[in-house]
């Protein structure tokens, strides 16, 4: 007797093509730790969750000016709900962080108004 095994592959992206609505991600910006400040560095993390489609871009502004220096952004992760999540880190010196005035993470998608979350270094200290 010969057994034949069949493997079914479900392509999730095919299911998502039926969904045409844009979903704006929720942004959470985490400030540097107090321990980092003692080491003269500051790493901020921006978490973007629940967005659709997958091509939202994350960017940073320091003191209102866009920056790409010290930025590292993850690839998108597809959740079980069919929405995407991303993260981005921004590395600054502790001095840059204290003098920034404000640091913002911005999620952008062509044709959509951006989603922005801003931190004020003065309100993140002890």
PDB file of N, CA and C in Angstrom:
ATOM      1  N   UNK A   1       0.843  -1.168   0.000  1.00  0.00           N
ATOM      2  CA  UNK A   1       0.000   0.000   0.000  1.00  0.00           C
ATOM      3  C   UNK A   1       0.895   1.239   0.000  1.00  0.00           C
ATOM      4  N   UNK A   2       0.572   2.144  -0.857  1.00  0.00           N
ATOM      5  CA  UNK A   2       1.359   3.373  -0.990  1.00  0.00           C
ATOM      6  C   UNK A   2       0.582   4.549  -0.409  1.00  0.00           C
ATOM      7  N   UNK A   3       1.260   5.326   0.439  1.00  0.00           N
ATOM      8  CA  UNK A   3       0.612   6.491   1.046  1.00  0.00           C
ATOM      9  C   UNK A   3       1.066   7.754   0.333  1.00  0.00           C
ATOM     10  N   UNK A   4       0.145   8.579   0.075  1.00  0.00           N
ATOM     11  CA  UNK A   4       0.470   9.854  -0.542  1.00  0.00           C
ATOM     12  C   UNK A   4       0.139  10.948   0.466  1.00  0.00           C
ATOM     13  N   UNK A   5       1.148  11.771   0.744  1.00  0.00           N
ATOM     14  CA  UNK A   5       0.927  12.884   1.668  1.00  0.00           C
ATOM     15  C   UNK A   5       0.740  14.163   0.866  1.00  0.00           C
ATOM     16  N   UNK A   6      -0.221  14.898   1.232  1.00  0.00           N
ATOM     17  CA  UNK A   6      -0.458  16.189   0.590  1.00  0.00           C
ATOM     18  C   UNK A   6      -0.265  17.290   1.619  1.00  0.00           C
ATOM     19  N   UNK A   7       0.477  18.254   1.230  1.00  0.00           N
ATOM     20  CA  UNK A   7       0.727  19.384   2.114  1.00  0.00           C
ATOM     21  C   UNK A   7       0.002  20.591   1.554  1.00  0.00           C
ATOM     22  N   UNK A   8      -0.803  21.183   2.386  1.00  0.00           N
ATOM     23  CA  UNK A   8      -1.509  22.390   1.965  1.00  0.00           C
ATOM     24  C   UNK A   8      -0.770  23.598   2.509  1.00  0.00           C
ATOM     25  N   UNK A   9      -0.494  24.515   1.643  1.00  0.00           N
ATOM     26  CA  UNK A   9       0.173  25.744   2.044  1.00  0.00           C
ATOM     27  C   UNK A   9      -0.832  26.883   1.925  1.00  0.00           C
ATOM     28  N   UNK A  10      -1.030  27.542   3.024  1.00  0.00           N
ATOM     29  CA  UNK A  10      -1.933  28.685   3.023  1.00  0.00           C
ATOM     30  C   UNK A  10      -1.083  29.941   2.880  1.00  0.00           C
ATOM     31  N   UNK A  11      -1.361  30.704   1.882  1.00  0.00           N
ATOM     32  CA  UNK A  11      -0.625  31.933   1.661  1.00  0.00           C
ATOM     33  C   UNK A  11      -1.444  33.074   2.253  1.00  0.00           C
ATOM     34  N   UNK A  12      -0.949  33.562   3.386  1.00  0.00           N
ATOM     35  CA  UNK A  12      -1.671  34.608   4.091  1.00  0.00           C
ATOM     36  C   UNK A  12      -1.773  35.883   3.280  1.00  0.00           C
ATOM     37  N   UNK A  13      -0.749  36.186   2.490  1.00  0.00           N
ATOM     38  CA  UNK A  13      -0.796  37.426   1.719  1.00  0.00           C
ATOM     39  C   UNK A  13      -1.949  37.421   0.711  1.00  0.00           C
ATOM     40  N   UNK A  14      -2.327  36.253   0.229  1.00  0.00           N
ATOM     41  CA  UNK A  14      -3.456  36.175  -0.698  1.00  0.00           C
ATOM     42  C   UNK A  14      -4.746  36.575  -0.001  1.00  0.00           C
ATOM     43  N   UNK A  15      -4.870  36.220   1.271  1.00  0.00           N
ATOM     44  CA  UNK A  15      -6.046  36.586   2.045  1.00  0.00           C
ATOM     45  C   UNK A  15      -6.083  38.103   2.249  1.00  0.00           C
ATOM     46  N   UNK A  16      -4.911  38.695   2.476  1.00  0.00           N
ATOM     47  CA  UNK A  16      -4.853  40.124   2.756  1.00  0.00           C
ATOM     48  C   UNK A  16      -5.145  41.005   1.557  1.00  0.00           C
ATOM     49  N   UNK A  17      -5.005  40.473   0.351  1.00  0.00           N
ATOM     50  CA  UNK A  17      -5.265  41.312  -0.814  1.00  0.00           C
ATOM     51  C   UNK A  17      -6.739  41.697  -0.922  1.00  0.00           C
ATOM     52  N   UNK A  18      -7.603  40.958  -0.257  1.00  0.00           N
ATOM     53  CA  UNK A  18      -9.017  41.299  -0.271  1.00  0.00           C
ATOM     54  C   UNK A  18      -9.317  42.518   0.614  1.00  0.00           C
ATOM     55  N   UNK A  19      -8.429  42.806   1.517  1.00  0.00           N
ATOM     56  CA  UNK A  19      -8.604  43.907   2.448  1.00  0.00           C
ATOM     57  C   UNK A  19      -7.987  45.159   1.837  1.00  0.00           C
ATOM     58  N   UNK A  20      -8.797  46.145   1.519  1.00  0.00           N
ATOM     59  CA  UNK A  20      -8.247  47.327   0.842  1.00  0.00           C
ATOM     60  C   UNK A  20      -8.080  48.529   1.765  1.00  0.00           C
ATOM     61  N   UNK A  21      -8.607  48.478   2.985  1.00  0.00           N
ATOM     62  CA  UNK A  21      -8.544  49.637   3.873  1.00  0.00           C
ATOM     63  C   UNK A  21      -7.194  49.820   4.529  1.00  0.00           C
ATOM     64  N   UNK A  22      -6.771  51.081   4.629  1.00  0.00           N
ATOM     65  CA  UNK A  22      -5.531  51.426   5.311  1.00  0.00           C
ATOM     66  C   UNK A  22      -5.829  51.517   6.802  1.00  0.00           C
ATOM     67  N   UNK A  23      -4.968  50.917   7.619  1.00  0.00           N
ATOM     68  CA  UNK A  23      -5.101  51.005   9.073  1.00  0.00           C
ATOM     69  C   UNK A  23      -3.859  51.702   9.606  1.00  0.00           C
ATOM     70  N   UNK A  24      -4.072  52.805  10.317  1.00  0.00           N
ATOM     71  CA  UNK A  24      -2.955  53.577  10.869  1.00  0.00           C
ATOM     72  C   UNK A  24      -2.380  52.847  12.076  1.00  0.00           C
ATOM     73  N   UNK A  25      -1.060  52.713  12.134  1.00  0.00           N
ATOM     74  CA  UNK A  25      -0.461  52.040  13.291  1.00  0.00           C
ATOM     75  C   UNK A  25      -0.533  52.919  14.537  1.00  0.00           C
ATOM     76  N   UNK A  26      -0.440  52.281  15.680  1.00  0.00           N
ATOM     77  CA  UNK A  26      -0.337  52.975  16.958  1.00  0.00           C
ATOM     78  C   UNK A  26       1.148  53.058  17.303  1.00  0.00           C
ATOM     79  N   UNK A  27       1.624  54.246  17.651  1.00  0.00           N
ATOM     80  CA  UNK A  27       3.038  54.432  17.977  1.00  0.00           C
ATOM     81  C   UNK A  27       3.237  54.570  19.477  1.00  0.00           C
ATOM     82  N   UNK A  28       4.283  53.915  19.968  1.00  0.00           N
ATOM     83  CA  UNK A  28       4.713  54.052  21.353  1.00  0.00           C
ATOM     84  C   UNK A  28       6.206  54.329  21.315  1.00  0.00           C
ATOM     85  N   UNK A  29       6.637  55.436  21.918  1.00  0.00           N
ATOM     86  CA  UNK A  29       8.052  55.767  21.965  1.00  0.00           C
ATOM     87  C   UNK A  29       8.543  55.562  23.395  1.00  0.00           C
ATOM     88  N   UNK A  30       9.573  54.735  23.521  1.00  0.00           N
ATOM     89  CA  UNK A  30      10.157  54.447  24.824  1.00  0.00           C
ATOM     90  C   UNK A  30      11.417  55.278  24.996  1.00  0.00           C
ATOM     91  N   UNK A  31      11.528  56.009  26.111  1.00  0.00           N
ATOM     92  CA  UNK A  31      12.699  56.862  26.328  1.00  0.00           C
ATOM     93  C   UNK A  31      13.920  56.039  26.722  1.00  0.00           C
ATOM     94  N   UNK A  32      15.090  56.671  26.729  1.00  0.00           N
ATOM     95  CA  UNK A  32      16.292  55.970  27.177  1.00  0.00           C
ATOM     96  C   UNK A  32      16.168  55.587  28.655  1.00  0.00           C
ATOM     97  N   UNK A  33      16.879  54.553  29.043  1.00  0.00           N
ATOM     98  CA  UNK A  33      16.879  54.154  30.449  1.00  0.00           C
ATOM     99  C   UNK A  33      17.760  55.101  31.257  1.00  0.00           C
ATOM    100  N   UNK A  34      17.527  55.169  32.543  1.00  0.00           N
ATOM    101  CA  UNK A  34      18.345  56.013  33.426  1.00  0.00           C
ATOM    102  C   UNK A  34      19.779  55.498  33.452  1.00  0.00           C
ATOM    103  N   UNK A  35      19.965  54.191  33.325  1.00  0.00           N
ATOM    104  CA  UNK A  35      21.305  53.597  33.316  1.00  0.00           C
ATOM    105  C   UNK A  35      22.102  54.068  32.107  1.00  0.00           C
ATOM    106  N   UNK A  36      21.436  54.164  30.974  1.00  0.00           N
ATOM    107  CA  UNK A  36      22.109  54.630  29.755  1.00  0.00           C
ATOM    108  C   UNK A  36      22.605  56.059  29.914  1.00  0.00           C
ATOM    109  N   UNK A  37      21.788  56.878  30.558  1.00  0.00           N
ATOM    110  CA  UNK A  37      22.149  58.279  30.737  1.00  0.00           C
ATOM    111  C   UNK A  37      23.470  58.406  31.498  1.00  0.00           C
ATOM    112  N   UNK A  38      23.695  57.498  32.435  1.00  0.00           N
ATOM    113  CA  UNK A  38      24.942  57.504  33.203  1.00  0.00           C
ATOM    114  C   UNK A  38      26.130  57.102  32.326  1.00  0.00           C
ATOM    115  N   UNK A  39      25.864  56.415  31.218  1.00  0.00           N
ATOM    116  CA  UNK A  39      26.916  55.952  30.316  1.00  0.00           C
ATOM    117  C   UNK A  39      27.105  56.906  29.126  1.00  0.00           C
ATOM    118  N   UNK A  40      26.491  58.057  29.164  1.00  0.00           N
ATOM    119  CA  UNK A  40      26.610  59.078  28.117  1.00  0.00           C
ATOM    120  C   UNK A  40      26.005  58.672  26.785  1.00  0.00           C
ATOM    121  N   UNK A  41      25.024  57.781  26.814  1.00  0.00           N
ATOM    122  CA  UNK A  41      24.328  57.414  25.574  1.00  0.00           C
ATOM    123  C   UNK A  41      22.828  57.403  25.830  1.00  0.00           C
ATOM    124  N   UNK A  42      22.069  57.452  24.757  1.00  0.00           N
ATOM    125  CA  UNK A  42      20.611  57.450  24.853  1.00  0.00           C
ATOM    126  C   UNK A  42      20.047  56.698  23.653  1.00  0.00           C
ATOM    127  N   UNK A  43      19.327  55.620  23.920  1.00  0.00           N
ATOM    128  CA  UNK A  43      18.687  54.862  22.854  1.00  0.00           C
ATOM    129  C   UNK A  43      17.183  54.937  23.048  1.00  0.00           C
ATOM    130  N   UNK A  44      16.494  55.416  22.027  1.00  0.00           N
ATOM    131  CA  UNK A  44      15.032  55.486  22.059  1.00  0.00           C
ATOM    132  C   UNK A  44      14.486  54.403  21.147  1.00  0.00           C
ATOM    133  N   UNK A  45      13.338  53.871  21.499  1.00  0.00           N
ATOM    134  CA  UNK A  45      12.707  52.820  20.705  1.00  0.00           C
ATOM    135  C   UNK A  45      11.301  53.277  20.334  1.00  0.00           C
ATOM    136  N   UNK A  46      10.968  53.126  19.065  1.00  0.00           N
ATOM    137  CA  UNK A  46       9.622  53.424  18.583  1.00  0.00           C
ATOM    138  C   UNK A  46       8.975  52.108  18.171  1.00  0.00           C
ATOM    139  N   UNK A  47       7.847  51.789  18.778  1.00  0.00           N
ATOM    140  CA  UNK A  47       7.086  50.598  18.431  1.00  0.00           C
ATOM    141  C   UNK A  47       5.846  51.030  17.660  1.00  0.00           C
ATOM    142  N   UNK A  48       5.675  50.499  16.467  1.00  0.00           N
ATOM    143  CA  UNK A  48       4.493  50.773  15.643  1.00  0.00           C
ATOM    144  C   UNK A  48       3.722  49.461  15.532  1.00  0.00           C
ATOM    145  N   UNK A  49       2.483  49.458  15.981  1.00  0.00           N
ATOM    146  CA  UNK A  49       1.705  48.216  15.993  1.00  0.00           C
ATOM    147  C   UNK A  49       0.356  48.397  15.311  1.00  0.00           C
ATOM    148  N   UNK A  50      -0.105  47.311  14.696  1.00  0.00           N
ATOM    149  CA  UNK A  50      -1.454  47.257  14.151  1.00  0.00           C
ATOM    150  C   UNK A  50      -1.687  48.016  12.867  1.00  0.00           C
ATOM    151  N   UNK A  51      -0.657  48.208  12.039  1.00  0.00           N
ATOM    152  CA  UNK A  51      -0.823  48.953  10.792  1.00  0.00           C
ATOM    153  C   UNK A  51      -1.074  48.048   9.598  1.00  0.00           C
ATOM    154  N   UNK A  52      -1.707  48.615   8.579  1.00  0.00           N
ATOM    155  CA  UNK A  52      -1.921  47.916   7.307  1.00  0.00           C
ATOM    156  C   UNK A  52      -1.996  48.959   6.214  1.00  0.00           C
ATOM    157  N   UNK A  53      -1.357  48.797   5.094  1.00  0.00           N
ATOM    158  CA  UNK A  53      -0.565  47.656   4.638  1.00  0.00           C
ATOM    159  C   UNK A  53       0.830  47.645   5.270  1.00  0.00           C
ATOM    160  N   UNK A  54       1.715  46.817   4.725  1.00  0.00           N
ATOM    161  CA  UNK A  54       3.025  46.591   5.334  1.00  0.00           C
ATOM    162  C   UNK A  54       4.056  47.663   5.026  1.00  0.00           C
ATOM    163  N   UNK A  55       3.764  48.588   4.138  1.00  0.00           N
ATOM    164  CA  UNK A  55       4.810  49.527   3.701  1.00  0.00           C
ATOM    165  C   UNK A  55       4.782  50.888   4.394  1.00  0.00           C
ATOM    166  N   UNK A  56       4.293  50.965   5.626  1.00  0.00           N
ATOM    167  CA  UNK A  56       4.465  52.171   6.422  1.00  0.00           C
ATOM    168  C   UNK A  56       5.952  52.330   6.695  1.00  0.00           C
ATOM    169  N   UNK A  57       6.455  53.557   6.693  1.00  0.00           N
ATOM    170  CA  UNK A  57       7.862  53.837   6.976  1.00  0.00           C
ATOM    171  C   UNK A  57       7.973  54.550   8.312  1.00  0.00           C
ATOM    172  N   UNK A  58       8.970  54.168   9.103  1.00  0.00           N
ATOM    173  CA  UNK A  58       9.221  54.833  10.374  1.00  0.00           C
ATOM    174  C   UNK A  58      10.409  55.770  10.230  1.00  0.00           C
ATOM    175  N   UNK A  59      10.284  56.963  10.777  1.00  0.00           N
ATOM    176  CA  UNK A  59      11.369  57.939  10.739  1.00  0.00           C
ATOM    177  C   UNK A  59      11.451  58.676  12.054  1.00  0.00           C
ATOM    178  N   UNK A  60      12.529  59.399  12.249  1.00  0.00           N
ATOM    179  CA  UNK A  60      12.765  60.141  13.484  1.00  0.00           C
ATOM    180  C   UNK A  60      13.029  61.616  13.191  1.00  0.00           C
ATOM    181  N   UNK A  61      12.603  62.467  14.123  1.00  0.00           N
ATOM    182  CA  UNK A  61      12.933  63.891  14.106  1.00  0.00           C
ATOM    183  C   UNK A  61      13.505  64.244  15.470  1.00  0.00           C
ATOM    184  N   UNK A  62      14.636  64.927  15.442  1.00  0.00           N
ATOM    185  CA  UNK A  62      15.269  65.400  16.672  1.00  0.00           C
ATOM    186  C   UNK A  62      15.232  66.912  16.634  1.00  0.00           C
ATOM    187  N   UNK A  63      14.543  67.505  17.616  1.00  0.00           N
ATOM    188  CA  UNK A  63      14.396  68.965  17.618  1.00  0.00           C
ATOM    189  C   UNK A  63      13.675  69.470  16.382  1.00  0.00           C
ATOM    190  N   UNK A  64      12.784  68.661  15.815  1.00  0.00           N
ATOM    191  CA  UNK A  64      12.014  69.065  14.641  1.00  0.00           C
ATOM    192  C   UNK A  64      12.691  68.809  13.306  1.00  0.00           C
ATOM    193  N   UNK A  65      13.929  68.299  13.321  1.00  0.00           N
ATOM    194  CA  UNK A  65      14.676  68.036  12.092  1.00  0.00           C
ATOM    195  C   UNK A  65      14.802  66.528  11.861  1.00  0.00           C
ATOM    196  N   UNK A  66      14.454  66.081  10.658  1.00  0.00           N
ATOM    197  CA  UNK A  66      14.566  64.662  10.331  1.00  0.00           C
ATOM    198  C   UNK A  66      16.006  64.197  10.437  1.00  0.00           C
ATOM    199  N   UNK A  67      16.189  62.973  10.936  1.00  0.00           N
ATOM    200  CA  UNK A  67      17.518  62.404  11.039  1.00  0.00           C
ATOM    201  C   UNK A  67      17.494  60.931  10.644  1.00  0.00           C
ATOM    202  N   UNK A  68      18.577  60.493  10.014  1.00  0.00           N
ATOM    203  CA  UNK A  68      18.733  59.076   9.700  1.00  0.00           C
ATOM    204  C   UNK A  68      19.993  58.522  10.354  1.00  0.00           C
ATOM    205  N   UNK A  69      20.762  59.406  10.984  1.00  0.00           N
ATOM    206  CA  UNK A  69      21.984  59.001  11.663  1.00  0.00           C
ATOM    207  C   UNK A  69      21.636  58.298  12.973  1.00  0.00           C
ATOM    208  N   UNK A  70      22.206  57.119  13.186  1.00  0.00           N
ATOM    209  CA  UNK A  70      21.956  56.374  14.413  1.00  0.00           C
ATOM    210  C   UNK A  70      20.615  55.665  14.438  1.00  0.00           C
ATOM    211  N   UNK A  71      19.987  55.500  13.268  1.00  0.00           N
ATOM    212  CA  UNK A  71      18.664  54.879  13.180  1.00  0.00           C
ATOM    213  C   UNK A  71      18.777  53.453  12.649  1.00  0.00           C
ATOM    214  N   UNK A  72      18.051  52.561  13.279  1.00  0.00           N
ATOM    215  CA  UNK A  72      17.954  51.174  12.823  1.00  0.00           C
ATOM    216  C   UNK A  72      16.490  50.761  12.883  1.00  0.00           C
ATOM    217  N   UNK A  73      15.952  50.280  11.764  1.00  0.00           N
ATOM    218  CA  UNK A  73      14.539  49.923  11.689  1.00  0.00           C
ATOM    219  C   UNK A  73      14.392  48.447  11.342  1.00  0.00           C
ATOM    220  N   UNK A  74      13.464  47.789  12.023  1.00  0.00           N
ATOM    221  CA  UNK A  74      13.238  46.364  11.789  1.00  0.00           C
ATOM    222  C   UNK A  74      12.386  46.142  10.544  1.00  0.00           C
ATOM    223  N   UNK A  75      12.374  44.914  10.078  1.00  0.00           N
ATOM    224  CA  UNK A  75      11.433  44.513   9.048  1.00  0.00           C
ATOM    225  C   UNK A  75      10.057  44.394   9.681  1.00  0.00           C
ATOM    226  N   UNK A  76       9.015  44.446   8.867  1.00  0.00           N
ATOM    227  CA  UNK A  76       7.666  44.330   9.403  1.00  0.00           C
ATOM    228  C   UNK A  76       7.409  42.893   9.874  1.00  0.00           C
ATOM    229  N   UNK A  77       6.535  42.774  10.879  1.00  0.00           N
ATOM    230  CA  UNK A  77       6.126  41.466  11.393  1.00  0.00           C
ATOM    231  C   UNK A  77       4.618  41.383  11.227  1.00  0.00           C
ATOM    232  N   UNK A  78       4.147  40.332  10.607  1.00  0.00           N
ATOM    233  CA  UNK A  78       2.719  40.138  10.380  1.00  0.00           C
ATOM    234  C   UNK A  78       2.096  39.456  11.586  1.00  0.00           C
ATOM    235  N   UNK A  79       1.088  40.084  12.161  1.00  0.00           N
ATOM    236  CA  UNK A  79       0.388  39.510  13.308  1.00  0.00           C
ATOM    237  C   UNK A  79      -0.721  38.570  12.867  1.00  0.00           C
ATOM    238  N   UNK A  80      -1.260  37.828  13.810  1.00  0.00           N
ATOM    239  CA  UNK A  80      -2.338  36.883  13.511  1.00  0.00           C
ATOM    240  C   UNK A  80      -3.619  37.584  13.070  1.00  0.00           C
ATOM    241  N   UNK A  81      -3.716  38.891  13.344  1.00  0.00           N
ATOM    242  CA  UNK A  81      -4.897  39.663  12.940  1.00  0.00           C
ATOM    243  C   UNK A  81      -4.770  40.239  11.536  1.00  0.00           C
ATOM    244  N   UNK A  82      -3.652  39.926  10.832  1.00  0.00           N
ATOM    245  CA  UNK A  82      -3.462  40.435   9.482  1.00  0.00           C
ATOM    246  C   UNK A  82      -2.916  41.851   9.432  1.00  0.00           C
ATOM    247  N   UNK A  83      -2.489  42.373  10.572  1.00  0.00           N
ATOM    248  CA  UNK A  83      -1.900  43.708  10.628  1.00  0.00           C
ATOM    249  C   UNK A  83      -0.423  43.590  10.956  1.00  0.00           C
ATOM    250  N   UNK A  84       0.309  44.659  10.689  1.00  0.00           N
ATOM    251  CA  UNK A  84       1.761  44.624  10.804  1.00  0.00           C
ATOM    252  C   UNK A  84       2.271  45.445  11.985  1.00  0.00           C
ATOM    253  N   UNK A  85       3.466  45.068  12.435  1.00  0.00           N
ATOM    254  CA  UNK A  85       4.166  45.808  13.485  1.00  0.00           C
ATOM    255  C   UNK A  85       5.613  46.005  13.051  1.00  0.00           C
ATOM    256  N   UNK A  86       6.215  47.098  13.509  1.00  0.00           N
ATOM    257  CA  UNK A  86       7.595  47.441  13.202  1.00  0.00           C
ATOM    258  C   UNK A  86       8.206  48.041  14.447  1.00  0.00           C
ATOM    259  N   UNK A  87       9.525  48.163  14.432  1.00  0.00           N
ATOM    260  CA  UNK A  87      10.196  48.926  15.479  1.00  0.00           C
ATOM    261  C   UNK A  87      11.383  49.663  14.863  1.00  0.00           C
ATOM    262  N   UNK A  88      11.757  50.736  15.510  1.00  0.00           N
ATOM    263  CA  UNK A  88      12.905  51.513  15.074  1.00  0.00           C
ATOM    264  C   UNK A  88      13.619  52.018  16.317  1.00  0.00           C
ATOM    265  N   UNK A  89      14.935  52.024  16.265  1.00  0.00           N
ATOM    266  CA  UNK A  89      15.709  52.569  17.383  1.00  0.00           C
ATOM    267  C   UNK A  89      16.499  53.780  16.893  1.00  0.00           C
ATOM    268  N   UNK A  90      16.670  54.723  17.792  1.00  0.00           N
ATOM    269  CA  UNK A  90      17.455  55.923  17.537  1.00  0.00           C
ATOM    270  C   UNK A  90      18.507  56.020  18.629  1.00  0.00           C
ATOM    271  N   UNK A  91      19.781  56.044  18.223  1.00  0.00           N
ATOM    272  CA  UNK A  91      20.886  56.172  19.171  1.00  0.00           C
ATOM    273  C   UNK A  91      21.433  57.589  19.128  1.00  0.00           C
ATOM    274  N   UNK A  92      21.449  58.217  20.286  1.00  0.00           N
ATOM    275  CA  UNK A  92      21.970  59.575  20.444  1.00  0.00           C
ATOM    276  C   UNK A  92      22.977  59.588  21.585  1.00  0.00           C
ATOM    277  N   UNK A  93      23.785  60.620  21.652  1.00  0.00           N
ATOM    278  CA  UNK A  93      24.586  60.815  22.860  1.00  0.00           C
ATOM    279  C   UNK A  93      23.631  61.360  23.926  1.00  0.00           C
ATOM    280  N   UNK A  94      23.990  61.190  25.174  1.00  0.00           N
ATOM    281  CA  UNK A  94      23.147  61.708  26.256  1.00  0.00           C
ATOM    282  C   UNK A  94      23.001  63.222  26.129  1.00  0.00           C
ATOM    283  N   UNK A  95      24.057  63.894  25.674  1.00  0.00           N
ATOM    284  CA  UNK A  95      24.022  65.339  25.491  1.00  0.00           C
ATOM    285  C   UNK A  95      23.035  65.734  24.389  1.00  0.00           C
ATOM    286  N   UNK A  96      23.060  65.006  23.263  1.00  0.00           N
ATOM    287  CA  UNK A  96      22.099  65.278  22.173  1.00  0.00           C
ATOM    288  C   UNK A  96      20.670  65.093  22.675  1.00  0.00           C
ATOM    289  N   UNK A  97      20.441  64.052  23.448  1.00  0.00           N
ATOM    290  CA  UNK A  97      19.108  63.758  23.985  1.00  0.00           C
ATOM    291  C   UNK A  97      18.636  64.893  24.890  1.00  0.00           C
ATOM    292  N   UNK A  98      19.497  65.333  25.801  1.00  0.00           N
ATOM    293  CA  UNK A  98      19.101  66.397  26.741  1.00  0.00           C
ATOM    294  C   UNK A  98      18.840  67.723  26.031  1.00  0.00           C
ATOM    295  N   UNK A  99      19.583  68.007  24.955  1.00  0.00           N
ATOM    296  CA  UNK A  99      19.458  69.285  24.251  1.00  0.00           C
ATOM    297  C   UNK A  99      18.461  69.249  23.090  1.00  0.00           C
ATOM    298  N   UNK A 100      17.845  68.111  22.830  1.00  0.00           N
ATOM    299  CA  UNK A 100      17.000  67.936  21.644  1.00  0.00           C
ATOM    300  C   UNK A 100      15.752  68.815  21.645  1.00  0.00           C
ATOM    301  N   UNK A 101      15.211  69.132  22.809  1.00  0.00           N
ATOM    302  CA  UNK A 101      13.943  69.860  22.846  1.00  0.00           C
ATOM    303  C   UNK A 101      12.780  68.901  22.696  1.00  0.00           C
ATOM    304  N   UNK A 102      12.816  68.097  21.650  1.00  0.00           N
ATOM    305  CA  UNK A 102      11.811  67.051  21.450  1.00  0.00           C
ATOM    306  C   UNK A 102      12.379  66.003  20.492  1.00  0.00           C
ATOM    307  N   UNK A 103      11.902  64.780  20.651  1.00  0.00           N
ATOM    308  CA  UNK A 103      12.261  63.697  19.741  1.00  0.00           C
ATOM    309  C   UNK A 103      10.956  63.035  19.320  1.00  0.00           C
ATOM    310  N   UNK A 104      10.759  62.896  18.013  1.00  0.00           N
ATOM    311  CA  UNK A 104       9.514  62.335  17.486  1.00  0.00           C
ATOM    312  C   UNK A 104       9.777  61.129  16.601  1.00  0.00           C
ATOM    313  N   UNK A 105       8.876  60.164  16.703  1.00  0.00           N
ATOM    314  CA  UNK A 105       8.847  59.038  15.776  1.00  0.00           C
ATOM    315  C   UNK A 105       7.633  59.266  14.886  1.00  0.00           C
ATOM    316  N   UNK A 106       7.819  59.037  13.589  1.00  0.00           N
ATOM    317  CA  UNK A 106       6.740  59.292  12.642  1.00  0.00           C
ATOM    318  C   UNK A 106       6.574  58.099  11.708  1.00  0.00           C
ATOM    319  N   UNK A 107       5.343  57.619  11.590  1.00  0.00           N
ATOM    320  CA  UNK A 107       5.008  56.564  10.636  1.00  0.00           C
ATOM    321  C   UNK A 107       4.343  57.239   9.445  1.00  0.00           C
ATOM    322  N   UNK A 108       4.863  56.958   8.241  1.00  0.00           N
ATOM    323  CA  UNK A 108       4.306  57.594   7.052  1.00  0.00           C
ATOM    324  C   UNK A 108       3.997  56.557   5.976  1.00  0.00           C
ATOM    325  N   UNK A 109       2.993  56.870   5.197  1.00  0.00           N
ATOM    326  CA  UNK A 109       2.563  56.043   4.073  1.00  0.00           C
ATOM    327  C   UNK A 109       2.066  56.991   2.998  1.00  0.00           C
ATOM    328  N   UNK A 110       2.485  56.773   1.777  1.00  0.00           N
ATOM    329  CA  UNK A 110       2.097  57.642   0.673  1.00  0.00           C
ATOM    330  C   UNK A 110       0.578  57.822   0.631  1.00  0.00           C
ATOM    331  N   UNK A 111       0.145  59.067   0.533  1.00  0.00           N
ATOM    332  CA  UNK A 111      -1.277  59.371   0.440  1.00  0.00           C
ATOM    333  C   UNK A 111      -1.992  59.454   1.782  1.00  0.00           C
ATOM    334  N   UNK A 112      -1.260  59.263   2.883  1.00  0.00           N
ATOM    335  CA  UNK A 112      -1.858  59.298   4.217  1.00  0.00           C
ATOM    336  C   UNK A 112      -1.174  60.376   5.057  1.00  0.00           C
ATOM    337  N   UNK A 113      -1.926  60.958   5.979  1.00  0.00           N
ATOM    338  CA  UNK A 113      -1.278  61.878   6.913  1.00  0.00           C
ATOM    339  C   UNK A 113      -0.453  61.043   7.892  1.00  0.00           C
ATOM    340  N   UNK A 114       0.717  61.547   8.304  1.00  0.00           N
ATOM    341  CA  UNK A 114       1.583  60.742   9.169  1.00  0.00           C
ATOM    342  C   UNK A 114       1.015  60.570  10.573  1.00  0.00           C
ATOM    343  N   UNK A 115       1.476  59.513  11.221  1.00  0.00           N
ATOM    344  CA  UNK A 115       1.165  59.264  12.627  1.00  0.00           C
ATOM    345  C   UNK A 115       2.436  59.639  13.388  1.00  0.00           C
ATOM    346  N   UNK A 116       2.310  60.486  14.410  1.00  0.00           N
ATOM    347  CA  UNK A 116       3.486  60.973  15.127  1.00  0.00           C
ATOM    348  C   UNK A 116       3.328  60.791  16.630  1.00  0.00           C
ATOM    349  N   UNK A 117       4.417  60.415  17.271  1.00  0.00           N
ATOM    350  CA  UNK A 117       4.479  60.350  18.732  1.00  0.00           C
ATOM    351  C   UNK A 117       5.749  61.086  19.153  1.00  0.00           C
ATOM    352  N   UNK A 118       5.627  62.026  20.094  1.00  0.00           N
ATOM    353  CA  UNK A 118       6.746  62.883  20.482  1.00  0.00           C
ATOM    354  C   UNK A 118       7.071  62.743  21.966  1.00  0.00           C
ATOM    355  N   UNK A 119       8.369  62.769  22.266  1.00  0.00           N
ATOM    356  CA  UNK A 119       8.848  62.789  23.635  1.00  0.00           C
ATOM    357  C   UNK A 119       9.603  64.091  23.880  1.00  0.00           C
ATOM    358  N   UNK A 120       9.443  64.628  25.063  1.00  0.00           N
ATOM    359  CA  UNK A 120      10.183  65.802  25.487  1.00  0.00           C
ATOM    360  C   UNK A 120      11.183  65.334  26.545  1.00  0.00           C
ATOM    361  N   UNK A 121      12.487  65.462  26.274  1.00  0.00           N
ATOM    362  CA  UNK A 121      13.497  64.991  27.223  1.00  0.00           C
ATOM    363  C   UNK A 121      13.317  65.544  28.638  1.00  0.00           C
ATOM    364  N   UNK A 122      12.826  66.787  28.765  1.00  0.00           N
ATOM    365  CA  UNK A 122      12.636  67.384  30.090  1.00  0.00           C
ATOM    366  C   UNK A 122      11.560  66.663  30.893  1.00  0.00           C
ATOM    367  N   UNK A 123      10.623  66.030  30.230  1.00  0.00           N
ATOM    368  CA  UNK A 123       9.541  65.321  30.935  1.00  0.00           C
ATOM    369  C   UNK A 123       9.847  63.834  31.109  1.00  0.00           C
ATOM    370  N   UNK A 124      11.011  63.402  30.673  1.00  0.00           N
ATOM    371  CA  UNK A 124      11.383  61.995  30.804  1.00  0.00           C
ATOM    372  C   UNK A 124      12.455  61.781  31.856  1.00  0.00           C
ATOM    373  N   UNK A 125      12.905  62.860  32.495  1.00  0.00           N
ATOM    374  CA  UNK A 125      13.963  62.721  33.503  1.00  0.00           C
ATOM    375  C   UNK A 125      13.342  62.494  34.873  1.00  0.00           C
ATOM    376  N   UNK A 126      14.193  62.120  35.822  1.00  0.00           N
ATOM    377  CA  UNK A 126      13.714  61.838  37.170  1.00  0.00           C
ATOM    378  C   UNK A 126      13.174  63.085  37.835  1.00  0.00           C
TER     379      UNK A 126
END
